[in-house]
Amino acid sequence: MSNKSSTVKVYVYDLSGGLANQFSKAFLGSQIDGIWHTSVVVYGKEYYFGTGISISKPGFSQHGQPMEIIDMGTTDIPEDDFNELLDELMIHWT
């Protein structure tokens, strides 16, 4: 079991690739800056909800490159405990 801390970051993606910002006013009558999706990066992996909880190498998900990366600090929760919790959540979040 690993007891070292890990940085925690939130990756923010615009699923429209900038199209919502560019065309929403004309098509919808109101401005939408993006169609946002987020993921959490911790322990060197990117976790996000897609078809259930998915895991990828940070910045290499199907969402492309993040528009913004937000530093959330660190966690001292052991990685094994985090993975155990994630395994439990994956049963319910399909």
PDB file of N, CA and C in Angstrom:
ATOM      1  N   MET A   1       0.844  -1.179   0.000  1.00  0.00           N
ATOM      2  CA  MET A   1       0.000   0.000   0.000  1.00  0.00           C
ATOM      3  C   MET A   1       0.885   1.236   0.000  1.00  0.00           C
ATOM      4  N   SER A   2       0.530   2.199  -0.840  1.00  0.00           N
ATOM      5  CA  SER A   2       1.285   3.443  -0.957  1.00  0.00           C
ATOM      6  C   SER A   2       0.666   4.512  -0.062  1.00  0.00           C
ATOM      7  N   ASN A   3       1.488   5.205   0.728  1.00  0.00           N
ATOM      8  CA  ASN A   3       0.987   6.245   1.617  1.00  0.00           C
ATOM      9  C   ASN A   3       1.415   7.634   1.184  1.00  0.00           C
ATOM     10  N   LYS A   4       2.020   7.779   0.019  1.00  0.00           N
ATOM     11  CA  LYS A   4       2.459   9.104  -0.407  1.00  0.00           C
ATOM     12  C   LYS A   4       1.292   9.905  -0.979  1.00  0.00           C
ATOM     13  N   SER A   5       1.384  11.224  -0.855  1.00  0.00           N
ATOM     14  CA  SER A   5       0.316  12.085  -1.356  1.00  0.00           C
ATOM     15  C   SER A   5       0.406  12.209  -2.877  1.00  0.00           C
ATOM     16  N   SER A   6      -0.700  12.631  -3.468  1.00  0.00           N
ATOM     17  CA  SER A   6      -0.763  12.810  -4.921  1.00  0.00           C
ATOM     18  C   SER A   6      -1.425  14.149  -5.214  1.00  0.00           C
ATOM     19  N   THR A   7      -0.956  14.815  -6.253  1.00  0.00           N
ATOM     20  CA  THR A   7      -1.625  16.037  -6.692  1.00  0.00           C
ATOM     21  C   THR A   7      -2.984  15.668  -7.288  1.00  0.00           C
ATOM     22  N   VAL A   8      -3.916  16.597  -7.188  1.00  0.00           N
ATOM     23  CA  VAL A   8      -5.251  16.405  -7.736  1.00  0.00           C
ATOM     24  C   VAL A   8      -5.534  17.585  -8.659  1.00  0.00           C
ATOM     25  N   LYS A   9      -5.928  17.284  -9.879  1.00  0.00           N
ATOM     26  CA  LYS A   9      -6.252  18.321 -10.851  1.00  0.00           C
ATOM     27  C   LYS A   9      -7.597  18.007 -11.492  1.00  0.00           C
ATOM     28  N   VAL A  10      -8.306  19.041 -11.893  1.00  0.00           N
ATOM     29  CA  VAL A  10      -9.535  18.890 -12.662  1.00  0.00           C
ATOM     30  C   VAL A  10      -9.229  19.366 -14.078  1.00  0.00           C
ATOM     31  N   TYR A  11      -9.481  18.514 -15.050  1.00  0.00           N
ATOM     32  CA  TYR A  11      -9.331  18.869 -16.453  1.00  0.00           C
ATOM     33  C   TYR A  11     -10.705  19.280 -16.974  1.00  0.00           C
ATOM     34  N   VAL A  12     -10.775  20.418 -17.649  1.00  0.00           N
ATOM     35  CA  VAL A  12     -12.027  20.938 -18.185  1.00  0.00           C
ATOM     36  C   VAL A  12     -11.957  20.891 -19.711  1.00  0.00           C
ATOM     37  N   TYR A  13     -12.936  20.252 -20.312  1.00  0.00           N
ATOM     38  CA  TYR A  13     -12.999  20.099 -21.768  1.00  0.00           C
ATOM     39  C   TYR A  13     -14.245  20.789 -22.318  1.00  0.00           C
ATOM     40  N   ASP A  14     -14.146  21.327 -23.515  1.00  0.00           N
ATOM     41  CA  ASP A  14     -15.304  21.807 -24.269  1.00  0.00           C
ATOM     42  C   ASP A  14     -15.595  20.757 -25.332  1.00  0.00           C
ATOM     43  N   LEU A  15     -16.647  19.976 -25.117  1.00  0.00           N
ATOM     44  CA  LEU A  15     -16.967  18.887 -26.038  1.00  0.00           C
ATOM     45  C   LEU A  15     -17.352  19.377 -27.429  1.00  0.00           C
ATOM     46  N   SER A  16     -17.710  20.662 -27.545  1.00  0.00           N
ATOM     47  CA  SER A  16     -18.079  21.198 -28.860  1.00  0.00           C
ATOM     48  C   SER A  16     -16.855  21.648 -29.657  1.00  0.00           C
ATOM     49  N   GLY A  17     -15.676  21.632 -29.030  1.00  0.00           N
ATOM     50  CA  GLY A  17     -14.476  22.077 -29.736  1.00  0.00           C
ATOM     51  C   GLY A  17     -14.521  23.544 -30.141  1.00  0.00           C
ATOM     52  N   GLY A  18     -15.232  24.360 -29.377  1.00  0.00           N
ATOM     53  CA  GLY A  18     -15.333  25.787 -29.664  1.00  0.00           C
ATOM     54  C   GLY A  18     -16.559  26.178 -30.480  1.00  0.00           C
ATOM     55  N   LEU A  19     -17.285  25.198 -31.002  1.00  0.00           N
ATOM     56  CA  LEU A  19     -18.438  25.490 -31.853  1.00  0.00           C
ATOM     57  C   LEU A  19     -19.600  26.094 -31.073  1.00  0.00           C
ATOM     58  N   ALA A  20     -19.790  25.681 -29.824  1.00  0.00           N
ATOM     59  CA  ALA A  20     -20.876  26.258 -29.017  1.00  0.00           C
ATOM     60  C   ALA A  20     -20.669  27.753 -28.859  1.00  0.00           C
ATOM     61  N   ASN A  21     -19.470  28.158 -28.556  1.00  0.00           N
ATOM     62  CA  ASN A  21     -19.145  29.576 -28.395  1.00  0.00           C
ATOM     63  C   ASN A  21     -19.359  30.332 -29.705  1.00  0.00           C
ATOM     64  N   GLN A  22     -18.969  29.723 -30.795  1.00  0.00           N
ATOM     65  CA  GLN A  22     -19.008  30.377 -32.097  1.00  0.00           C
ATOM     66  C   GLN A  22     -20.421  30.495 -32.674  1.00  0.00           C
ATOM     67  N   PHE A  23     -21.262  29.479 -32.485  1.00  0.00           N
ATOM     68  CA  PHE A  23     -22.540  29.444 -33.192  1.00  0.00           C
ATOM     69  C   PHE A  23     -23.787  29.462 -32.313  1.00  0.00           C
ATOM     70  N   SER A  24     -23.658  29.370 -31.002  1.00  0.00           N
ATOM     71  CA  SER A  24     -24.843  29.249 -30.151  1.00  0.00           C
ATOM     72  C   SER A  24     -25.761  30.461 -30.234  1.00  0.00           C
ATOM     73  N   LYS A  25     -25.225  31.640 -30.287  1.00  0.00           N
ATOM     74  CA  LYS A  25     -26.052  32.861 -30.343  1.00  0.00           C
ATOM     75  C   LYS A  25     -26.946  32.846 -31.586  1.00  0.00           C
ATOM     76  N   ALA A  26     -26.370  32.474 -32.716  1.00  0.00           N
ATOM     77  CA  ALA A  26     -27.130  32.457 -33.971  1.00  0.00           C
ATOM     78  C   ALA A  26     -28.195  31.361 -33.988  1.00  0.00           C
ATOM     79  N   PHE A  27     -27.873  30.196 -33.446  1.00  0.00           N
ATOM     80  CA  PHE A  27     -28.802  29.068 -33.508  1.00  0.00           C
ATOM     81  C   PHE A  27     -29.787  29.016 -32.347  1.00  0.00           C
ATOM     82  N   LEU A  28     -29.355  29.463 -31.170  1.00  0.00           N
ATOM     83  CA  LEU A  28     -30.190  29.324 -29.976  1.00  0.00           C
ATOM     84  C   LEU A  28     -30.744  30.645 -29.457  1.00  0.00           C
ATOM     85  N   GLY A  29     -30.171  31.745 -29.923  1.00  0.00           N
ATOM     86  CA  GLY A  29     -30.591  33.042 -29.441  1.00  0.00           C
ATOM     87  C   GLY A  29     -29.931  33.469 -28.147  1.00  0.00           C
ATOM     88  N   SER A  30     -29.101  32.629 -27.589  1.00  0.00           N
ATOM     89  CA  SER A  30     -28.337  32.983 -26.387  1.00  0.00           C
ATOM     90  C   SER A  30     -26.939  32.382 -26.476  1.00  0.00           C
ATOM     91  N   GLN A  31     -26.030  33.007 -25.785  1.00  0.00           N
ATOM     92  CA  GLN A  31     -24.626  32.601 -25.853  1.00  0.00           C
ATOM     93  C   GLN A  31     -24.347  31.436 -24.909  1.00  0.00           C
ATOM     94  N   ILE A  32     -23.754  30.402 -25.436  1.00  0.00           N
ATOM     95  CA  ILE A  32     -23.254  29.277 -24.644  1.00  0.00           C
ATOM     96  C   ILE A  32     -21.760  29.205 -24.932  1.00  0.00           C
ATOM     97  N   ASP A  33     -20.950  29.321 -23.908  1.00  0.00           N
ATOM     98  CA  ASP A  33     -19.498  29.363 -24.103  1.00  0.00           C
ATOM     99  C   ASP A  33     -18.902  28.009 -24.438  1.00  0.00           C
ATOM    100  N   GLY A  34     -19.528  26.931 -23.994  1.00  0.00           N
ATOM    101  CA  GLY A  34     -19.004  25.605 -24.285  1.00  0.00           C
ATOM    102  C   GLY A  34     -19.958  24.545 -23.786  1.00  0.00           C
ATOM    103  N   ILE A  35     -19.699  23.334 -24.200  1.00  0.00           N
ATOM    104  CA  ILE A  35     -20.403  22.169 -23.664  1.00  0.00           C
ATOM    105  C   ILE A  35     -19.368  21.457 -22.811  1.00  0.00           C
ATOM    106  N   TRP A  36     -19.445  21.694 -21.514  1.00  0.00           N
ATOM    107  CA  TRP A  36     -18.357  21.349 -20.611  1.00  0.00           C
ATOM    108  C   TRP A  36     -18.425  19.910 -20.112  1.00  0.00           C
ATOM    109  N   HIS A  37     -17.238  19.339 -19.992  1.00  0.00           N
ATOM    110  CA  HIS A  37     -17.056  18.009 -19.407  1.00  0.00           C
ATOM    111  C   HIS A  37     -15.798  18.086 -18.564  1.00  0.00           C
ATOM    112  N   THR A  38     -15.818  17.455 -17.412  1.00  0.00           N
ATOM    113  CA  THR A  38     -14.649  17.494 -16.540  1.00  0.00           C
ATOM    114  C   THR A  38     -14.175  16.093 -16.199  1.00  0.00           C
ATOM    115  N   SER A  39     -12.921  16.026 -15.799  1.00  0.00           N
ATOM    116  CA  SER A  39     -12.348  14.792 -15.298  1.00  0.00           C
ATOM    117  C   SER A  39     -11.440  15.134 -14.125  1.00  0.00           C
ATOM    118  N   VAL A  40     -11.075  14.121 -13.365  1.00  0.00           N
ATOM    119  CA  VAL A  40     -10.179  14.296 -12.228  1.00  0.00           C
ATOM    120  C   VAL A  40      -8.893  13.523 -12.522  1.00  0.00           C
ATOM    121  N   VAL A  41      -7.774  14.185 -12.322  1.00  0.00           N
ATOM    122  CA  VAL A  41      -6.476  13.540 -12.508  1.00  0.00           C
ATOM    123  C   VAL A  41      -5.826  13.396 -11.142  1.00  0.00           C
ATOM    124  N   VAL A  42      -5.549  12.149 -10.782  1.00  0.00           N
ATOM    125  CA  VAL A  42      -4.923  11.826  -9.500  1.00  0.00           C
ATOM    126  C   VAL A  42      -4.166  10.514  -9.670  1.00  0.00           C
ATOM    127  N   TYR A  43      -3.078  10.357  -8.967  1.00  0.00           N
ATOM    128  CA  TYR A  43      -2.238   9.152  -9.043  1.00  0.00           C
ATOM    129  C   TYR A  43      -1.784   8.857 -10.475  1.00  0.00           C
ATOM    130  N   GLY A  44      -1.597   9.911 -11.266  1.00  0.00           N
ATOM    131  CA  GLY A  44      -1.084   9.741 -12.625  1.00  0.00           C
ATOM    132  C   GLY A  44      -2.089   9.197 -13.617  1.00  0.00           C
ATOM    133  N   LYS A  45      -3.390   9.222 -13.258  1.00  0.00           N
ATOM    134  CA  LYS A  45      -4.433   8.728 -14.155  1.00  0.00           C
ATOM    135  C   LYS A  45      -5.554   9.746 -14.233  1.00  0.00           C
ATOM    136  N   GLU A  46      -6.237   9.751 -15.367  1.00  0.00           N
ATOM    137  CA  GLU A  46      -7.390  10.629 -15.567  1.00  0.00           C
ATOM    138  C   GLU A  46      -8.665   9.802 -15.443  1.00  0.00           C
ATOM    139  N   TYR A  47      -9.558  10.225 -14.554  1.00  0.00           N
ATOM    140  CA  TYR A  47     -10.814   9.537 -14.292  1.00  0.00           C
ATOM    141  C   TYR A  47     -11.959  10.425 -14.760  1.00  0.00           C
ATOM    142  N   TYR A  48     -12.891   9.852 -15.512  1.00  0.00           N
ATOM    143  CA  TYR A  48     -14.018  10.628 -16.022  1.00  0.00           C
ATOM    144  C   TYR A  48     -15.209   9.710 -16.247  1.00  0.00           C
ATOM    145  N   PHE A  49     -16.374  10.319 -16.325  1.00  0.00           N
ATOM    146  CA  PHE A  49     -17.582   9.555 -16.562  1.00  0.00           C
ATOM    147  C   PHE A  49     -17.901   9.575 -18.039  1.00  0.00           C
ATOM    148  N   GLY A  50     -18.054   8.404 -18.602  1.00  0.00           N
ATOM    149  CA  GLY A  50     -18.438   8.254 -20.001  1.00  0.00           C
ATOM    150  C   GLY A  50     -19.492   7.169 -20.027  1.00  0.00           C
ATOM    151  N   THR A  51     -19.114   6.007 -20.469  1.00  0.00           N
ATOM    152  CA  THR A  51     -19.957   4.823 -20.325  1.00  0.00           C
ATOM    153  C   THR A  51     -19.491   4.162 -19.038  1.00  0.00           C
ATOM    154  N   GLY A  52     -19.968   4.671 -17.925  1.00  0.00           N
ATOM    155  CA  GLY A  52     -19.441   4.283 -16.626  1.00  0.00           C
ATOM    156  C   GLY A  52     -18.233   5.150 -16.307  1.00  0.00           C
ATOM    157  N   ILE A  53     -17.495   4.759 -15.302  1.00  0.00           N
ATOM    158  CA  ILE A  53     -16.284   5.487 -14.923  1.00  0.00           C
ATOM    159  C   ILE A  53     -15.146   4.970 -15.782  1.00  0.00           C
ATOM    160  N   SER A  54     -14.492   5.878 -16.500  1.00  0.00           N
ATOM    161  CA  SER A  54     -13.402   5.513 -17.401  1.00  0.00           C
ATOM    162  C   SER A  54     -12.082   6.050 -16.871  1.00  0.00           C
ATOM    163  N   ILE A  55     -11.003   5.420 -17.297  1.00  0.00           N
ATOM    164  CA  ILE A  55      -9.659   5.799 -16.858  1.00  0.00           C
ATOM    165  C   ILE A  55      -8.763   5.871 -18.085  1.00  0.00           C
ATOM    166  N   SER A  56      -7.942   6.922 -18.150  1.00  0.00           N
ATOM    167  CA  SER A  56      -6.978   7.042 -19.256  1.00  0.00           C
ATOM    168  C   SER A  56      -5.709   7.718 -18.753  1.00  0.00           C
ATOM    169  N   LYS A  57      -4.735   7.763 -19.623  1.00  0.00           N
ATOM    170  CA  LYS A  57      -3.536   8.542 -19.354  1.00  0.00           C
ATOM    171  C   LYS A  57      -3.940  10.017 -19.411  1.00  0.00           C
ATOM    172  N   PRO A  58      -3.488  10.857 -18.474  1.00  0.00           N
ATOM    173  CA  PRO A  58      -3.913  12.262 -18.457  1.00  0.00           C
ATOM    174  C   PRO A  58      -3.707  12.970 -19.796  1.00  0.00           C
ATOM    175  N   GLY A  59      -4.784  13.600 -20.290  1.00  0.00           N
ATOM    176  CA  GLY A  59      -4.739  14.339 -21.546  1.00  0.00           C
ATOM    177  C   GLY A  59      -4.892  13.483 -22.780  1.00  0.00           C
ATOM    178  N   PHE A  60      -5.129  12.176 -22.608  1.00  0.00           N
ATOM    179  CA  PHE A  60      -5.246  11.279 -23.752  1.00  0.00           C
ATOM    180  C   PHE A  60      -6.618  10.609 -23.839  1.00  0.00           C
ATOM    181  N   SER A  61      -7.631  11.209 -23.224  1.00  0.00           N
ATOM    182  CA  SER A  61      -8.984  10.662 -23.351  1.00  0.00           C
ATOM    183  C   SER A  61      -9.545  11.067 -24.715  1.00  0.00           C
ATOM    184  N   GLN A  62     -10.730  10.571 -25.034  1.00  0.00           N
ATOM    185  CA  GLN A  62     -11.348  10.915 -26.320  1.00  0.00           C
ATOM    186  C   GLN A  62     -11.801  12.360 -26.379  1.00  0.00           C
ATOM    187  N   HIS A  63     -11.667  13.096 -25.276  1.00  0.00           N
ATOM    188  CA  HIS A  63     -12.110  14.492 -25.234  1.00  0.00           C
ATOM    189  C   HIS A  63     -11.095  15.464 -25.818  1.00  0.00           C
ATOM    190  N   GLY A  64      -9.944  14.990 -26.219  1.00  0.00           N
ATOM    191  CA  GLY A  64      -8.922  15.867 -26.781  1.00  0.00           C
ATOM    192  C   GLY A  64      -8.093  16.518 -25.691  1.00  0.00           C
ATOM    193  N   GLN A  65      -7.627  17.705 -25.951  1.00  0.00           N
ATOM    194  CA  GLN A  65      -6.814  18.425 -24.980  1.00  0.00           C
ATOM    195  C   GLN A  65      -7.706  19.283 -24.087  1.00  0.00           C
ATOM    196  N   PRO A  66      -7.422  19.331 -22.791  1.00  0.00           N
ATOM    197  CA  PRO A  66      -8.253  20.144 -21.903  1.00  0.00           C
ATOM    198  C   PRO A  66      -8.131  21.629 -22.216  1.00  0.00           C
ATOM    199  N   MET A  67      -9.256  22.338 -22.052  1.00  0.00           N
ATOM    200  CA  MET A  67      -9.263  23.794 -22.231  1.00  0.00           C
ATOM    201  C   MET A  67      -8.635  24.481 -21.026  1.00  0.00           C
ATOM    202  N   GLU A  68      -8.779  23.837 -19.867  1.00  0.00           N
ATOM    203  CA  GLU A  68      -8.264  24.406 -18.630  1.00  0.00           C
ATOM    204  C   GLU A  68      -7.889  23.265 -17.690  1.00  0.00           C
ATOM    205  N   ILE A  69      -6.850  23.479 -16.902  1.00  0.00           N
ATOM    206  CA  ILE A  69      -6.457  22.526 -15.871  1.00  0.00           C
ATOM    207  C   ILE A  69      -6.463  23.281 -14.547  1.00  0.00           C
ATOM    208  N   ILE A  70      -7.273  22.791 -13.613  1.00  0.00           N
ATOM    209  CA  ILE A  70      -7.423  23.449 -12.318  1.00  0.00           C
ATOM    210  C   ILE A  70      -6.713  22.621 -11.255  1.00  0.00           C
ATOM    211  N   ASP A  71      -5.769  23.237 -10.553  1.00  0.00           N
ATOM    212  CA  ASP A  71      -5.042  22.563  -9.486  1.00  0.00           C
ATOM    213  C   ASP A  71      -5.904  22.574  -8.229  1.00  0.00           C
ATOM    214  N   MET A  72      -6.215  21.394  -7.717  1.00  0.00           N
ATOM    215  CA  MET A  72      -7.065  21.272  -6.531  1.00  0.00           C
ATOM    216  C   MET A  72      -6.257  20.969  -5.274  1.00  0.00           C
ATOM    217  N   GLY A  73      -4.931  20.909  -5.391  1.00  0.00           N
ATOM    218  CA  GLY A  73      -4.094  20.617  -4.224  1.00  0.00           C
ATOM    219  C   GLY A  73      -3.634  19.174  -4.237  1.00  0.00           C
ATOM    220  N   THR A  74      -3.576  18.574  -3.057  1.00  0.00           N
ATOM    221  CA  THR A  74      -3.121  17.188  -2.947  1.00  0.00           C
ATOM    222  C   THR A  74      -4.099  16.384  -2.097  1.00  0.00           C
ATOM    223  N   THR A  75      -3.981  15.066  -2.216  1.00  0.00           N
ATOM    224  CA  THR A  75      -4.726  14.155  -1.358  1.00  0.00           C
ATOM    225  C   THR A  75      -3.738  13.243  -0.660  1.00  0.00           C
ATOM    226  N   ASP A  76      -4.041  12.914   0.586  1.00  0.00           N
ATOM    227  CA  ASP A  76      -3.240  11.958   1.348  1.00  0.00           C
ATOM    228  C   ASP A  76      -3.938  10.606   1.453  1.00  0.00           C
ATOM    229  N   ILE A  77      -5.074  10.463   0.748  1.00  0.00           N
ATOM    230  CA  ILE A  77      -5.772   9.177   0.729  1.00  0.00           C
ATOM    231  C   ILE A  77      -4.879   8.182  -0.010  1.00  0.00           C
ATOM    232  N   PRO A  78      -4.572   7.047   0.588  1.00  0.00           N
ATOM    233  CA  PRO A  78      -3.737   6.063  -0.105  1.00  0.00           C
ATOM    234  C   PRO A  78      -4.376   5.613  -1.429  1.00  0.00           C
ATOM    235  N   GLU A  79      -3.554   5.415  -2.425  1.00  0.00           N
ATOM    236  CA  GLU A  79      -4.058   5.022  -3.742  1.00  0.00           C
ATOM    237  C   GLU A  79      -4.866   3.733  -3.679  1.00  0.00           C
ATOM    238  N   ASP A  80      -4.450   2.790  -2.862  1.00  0.00           N
ATOM    239  CA  ASP A  80      -5.205   1.535  -2.734  1.00  0.00           C
ATOM    240  C   ASP A  80      -6.623   1.795  -2.218  1.00  0.00           C
ATOM    241  N   ASP A  81      -6.761   2.704  -1.243  1.00  0.00           N
ATOM    242  CA  ASP A  81      -8.087   3.043  -0.725  1.00  0.00           C
ATOM    243  C   ASP A  81      -8.925   3.738  -1.794  1.00  0.00           C
ATOM    244  N   PHE A  82      -8.301   4.621  -2.546  1.00  0.00           N
ATOM    245  CA  PHE A  82      -8.990   5.316  -3.640  1.00  0.00           C
ATOM    246  C   PHE A  82      -9.494   4.311  -4.670  1.00  0.00           C
ATOM    247  N   ASN A  83      -8.640   3.371  -5.062  1.00  0.00           N
ATOM    248  CA  ASN A  83      -9.031   2.370  -6.054  1.00  0.00           C
ATOM    249  C   ASN A  83     -10.147   1.468  -5.533  1.00  0.00           C
ATOM    250  N   GLU A  84     -10.124   1.147  -4.239  1.00  0.00           N
ATOM    251  CA  GLU A  84     -11.175   0.333  -3.642  1.00  0.00           C
ATOM    252  C   GLU A  84     -12.519   1.065  -3.702  1.00  0.00           C
ATOM    253  N   LEU A  85     -12.512   2.345  -3.367  1.00  0.00           N
ATOM    254  CA  LEU A  85     -13.726   3.157  -3.449  1.00  0.00           C
ATOM    255  C   LEU A  85     -14.226   3.242  -4.891  1.00  0.00           C
ATOM    256  N   LEU A  86     -13.304   3.450  -5.815  1.00  0.00           N
ATOM    257  CA  LEU A  86     -13.672   3.544  -7.227  1.00  0.00           C
ATOM    258  C   LEU A  86     -14.299   2.241  -7.716  1.00  0.00           C
ATOM    259  N   ASP A  87     -13.744   1.111  -7.300  1.00  0.00           N
ATOM    260  CA  ASP A  87     -14.310  -0.185  -7.677  1.00  0.00           C
ATOM    261  C   ASP A  87     -15.753  -0.311  -7.188  1.00  0.00           C
ATOM    262  N   GLU A  88     -16.015   0.168  -5.964  1.00  0.00           N
ATOM    263  CA  GLU A  88     -17.376   0.139  -5.426  1.00  0.00           C
ATOM    264  C   GLU A  88     -18.300   1.064  -6.227  1.00  0.00           C
ATOM    265  N   LEU A  89     -17.814   2.242  -6.587  1.00  0.00           N
ATOM    266  CA  LEU A  89     -18.632   3.199  -7.337  1.00  0.00           C
ATOM    267  C   LEU A  89     -18.933   2.700  -8.751  1.00  0.00           C
ATOM    268  N   MET A  90     -17.988   1.989  -9.359  1.00  0.00           N
ATOM    269  CA  MET A  90     -18.168   1.525 -10.737  1.00  0.00           C
ATOM    270  C   MET A  90     -19.366   0.577 -10.873  1.00  0.00           C
ATOM    271  N   ILE A  91     -19.700  -0.110  -9.793  1.00  0.00           N
ATOM    272  CA  ILE A  91     -20.850  -1.016  -9.810  1.00  0.00           C
ATOM    273  C   ILE A  91     -22.146  -0.232 -10.004  1.00  0.00           C
ATOM    274  N   HIS A  92     -22.212   0.956  -9.389  1.00  0.00           N
ATOM    275  CA  HIS A  92     -23.434   1.754  -9.406  1.00  0.00           C
ATOM    276  C   HIS A  92     -23.471   2.803 -10.511  1.00  0.00           C
ATOM    277  N   TRP A  93     -22.329   3.298 -10.914  1.00  0.00           N
ATOM    278  CA  TRP A  93     -22.259   4.354 -11.943  1.00  0.00           C
ATOM    279  C   TRP A  93     -21.863   3.729 -13.268  1.00  0.00           C
ATOM    280  N   THR A  94     -22.858   3.167 -13.938  1.00  0.00           N
ATOM    281  CA  THR A  94     -22.582   2.470 -15.202  1.00  0.00           C
ATOM    282  C   THR A  94     -22.941   3.363 -16.353  1.00  0.00           C
TER     283      THR A  94
END
